[in-house]
Structures are given as C-alpha cells and as structure tokens.
C-alpha cells in the first residue's frame, strides 16, 4: 500500500502529532530509489512548510532525528578503546575552534574522528580551512581515517554523502522553500548527522548573535534543548554551550588566515580571549569524557597547549592527511593574498559593536567564502582584525586589514564594511564569550 503523505501533511498542518510509523515512512520516502515509493518534492515541500508554521512536538523531533540518522551509514568506534567525542558548531565568523580544540583533546587522551563540511554564506567551513594547507586532503578512505585517529587522536574528513542522506534531500528543499529557520528541522538536520558519526560524547557550540543563525538567546536555548533531548533519546551524552557571535571569534577571518591563528594559539600565543575560550571548551569535553572535574580538565588542556603536545598532535594530523607539517613552524608556507588594504576608524572612542554577519559577508566578497556551493574560494583571502569589542581606538587607527586577489574585491568589501563597526564615546560593558551551558544529564 502506498504511503499516505497527504495524511502527514494534513495532520501537521492542523497541529496533530504524527505517529512514529508515519515519520519513519516519510523519511523512507525521502531517499527511496523506486519512483513508486519516493515522495515527490512538492509534497515534501508542503510538509516542511507545515512544520515551519506549526512546529513539531519533542517526541516527533526525536523520532525524525533518529529516522534521518538511520537513512544511511552509521559509524562505530569501539575498536579505538577509549572515549570518542565530537564537537559541533552551528556556524560563526572566524570560528576555528575545531582546529584548536581537537588537538588539545587528542593530547589529553580523547579520540575525535571528525566529519566536517564546507562553508556556505557568511560562515566558514572547517574543510575549507584545512584544505588551505598545502597538500592536505580531507577525502580519506575509511581505513586511512581510522588509522590516523588511532595515531594522532583525531582526523578531519569531508562528510560522506552516505551519512544521513535524508538530510541532504530535505535541506536542499528547505533552502529553496524558506523553511530553513524551523528550529525542529534545524535540530533534526544537525543531530541526525552527529548521531550517525557514533561519538559517545557530543559538545554543541550553539552560536547566538548578529553573525549566527540564532539571533537571540531564547531561540538558541530552545534549539539546545531540542538537540539535547534528541541526544538523550539516542543514549548519548551531550552538552550545549551558548557562545557569543555578536563579534567574530578571534582576530583572523578566512581560511589560511584562520589556520595561522589556530597554530598561533597552539604555540601559546594568538588572541588571549580565543585561547582561553578553546581551553574552556576542551575542558568541557574532557570532563564529559570522564577525565576528571572541570577544573582538573582545564588544567590538563592548558598544559597540553603550554607543553606543545597539542601542536604536535596537529602536526601529526596534517602529515597523516598528506599536508605539509612544516606549516606548524613556518606560517609563510600557507597561501597569501596578492593585495591588501587597511580599513581605519573614522573617529576616536571605544569599539562597542561589530556586526559579525556584515564582516563575514565582506570576507566572502574578498574571496574567502562562497554564496553558492560551486563557488571557488581564495584560501589566502580574508580579514585580520586590529581592534575588537571593547578596544580603545583613535581616529585613523587601523580597525582591520583586508586581503584579496584584486583591488576591485577590496573596494567591494570596504564599501560593505562602512557600518560594520561601531565606535562610541564610552567603553562598553564586558561581554563573555560563553553565555550559558546546558547539560543533557539535567533533562528529566
């Protein structure tokens, strides 16, 4: 008997919960190869719009997440013989946390087999950042991936199309039907892939602010709650951390530039705020993995950086993925842009606002990102901030340096940045990077 998709649309449209059988049948129809069993795009689009307008219950969201997880390959890591962790960011400007946190965690005895994606829009992707390292590949065969995780403690590979393929279909439809902003659908999209990767402990970095998809704390908290609920339903240990994206993370934005900053942090340098944030996040993950109290884990993470052990694990990963490991000692081996321009403050005062989304979009104009999946990127392009939130500046002081392949690209980016930075007469209040933490262990 043919699956009754019309009934699913009707029930969701009227706010009536779907049964588990209806949701699993719907997801089967998303990826069905047989045309007689496949649900047509127009019906899927109608259901997605109904979800966007009426929402889903927590139980429906958890069932949808699990069904999407099971629509393709699921990974298992028992052979590693130790705690397996994962970290997911909902996307931010200048967010190179994975490049810093994963080597720290690996140096402290935690395994991180990481599946990541490319950037799209104003937020960058970990895969693009790593591929700016000469020779490095993220297209790893399963055996090579596992072997590298065993040796280096972590590896970062491009997400396979076999991982939650139902999400790929549904996300493409959400993108063209203006249903991307449904929180239950965002939860199912993120968590179906995270659960399929098989980690025991999952740390969710939920960005909130001008440069994030979640613009306010209430929506970010609701997304966190749903993701924690879905993780708990699957028996996974999960923590969500709400982090500020009202300003870029760190001082470097762009692919090779962010690799530079990550290496600087692992050398015990770089932006102090970024370094402390990554140590905090690493401590959170280590505590989840049973490595001790948060305070003890923070000391372990800080020591891994100070001793150089975390940098050595990054070097091992780069070499294992066929990149040039000398970049950890010689940053000049990374690609650089042909043209640069300094963007200066037009008044004196304190930096009280940085529109992260606007800055991120300017980096795309410079060539550091893409608006469509097939757009090429320039690995050396981007922005280096000279001032950040709370900095005191004088008129004419540098605010940032722009890097691109052509002067015309610099012109376009500079024009878009005219209103991105606010300079005021009084200093702003302190604004911590970590706004809130939620643990799945606290859910009832």
Foldseek 3Di string as FASTA:
>chain_A
DAQDLVVLLVCLLVLHADDLVNLLLQLCLLPDPDPSHHDDLVSLLSSLVSCLVRNHDLVSLLSNLQSLLPQFAFDADVVLVAAEEEEAEQFAFLPPLCLQLQLLLQLLPYAYAAEWEADAALTGTNQLQLPLFPFFAQDDDPVLSSVLCSVLRYAYHYDDCRGSVSLVSSVVSCVVSVSPLNLSNVLSSVLSRVVRHHGQEYEYEYEEPLGGSHPDPVSSVVSQVSNLSSCVVVVHWYKYFYFYRQDGQFFWGFRLRSVVQSLQLLLVHGDPQNNLVSLQSSLVRCVSRVVDDSVVSSVSSVCCSPVSSSLVSSLSNCVSSRGDSCCSVPVVSGDAEPDKDFDWAQAWAFWAGANRSLQSNLQVLQFRHHNDPPDHGDRRWTKGAPHTQQDTDHHGHTGIMGGHHDVVSVVVSSVSCPPRIDGDHYGDDDDRGTDDMDTSVPDD
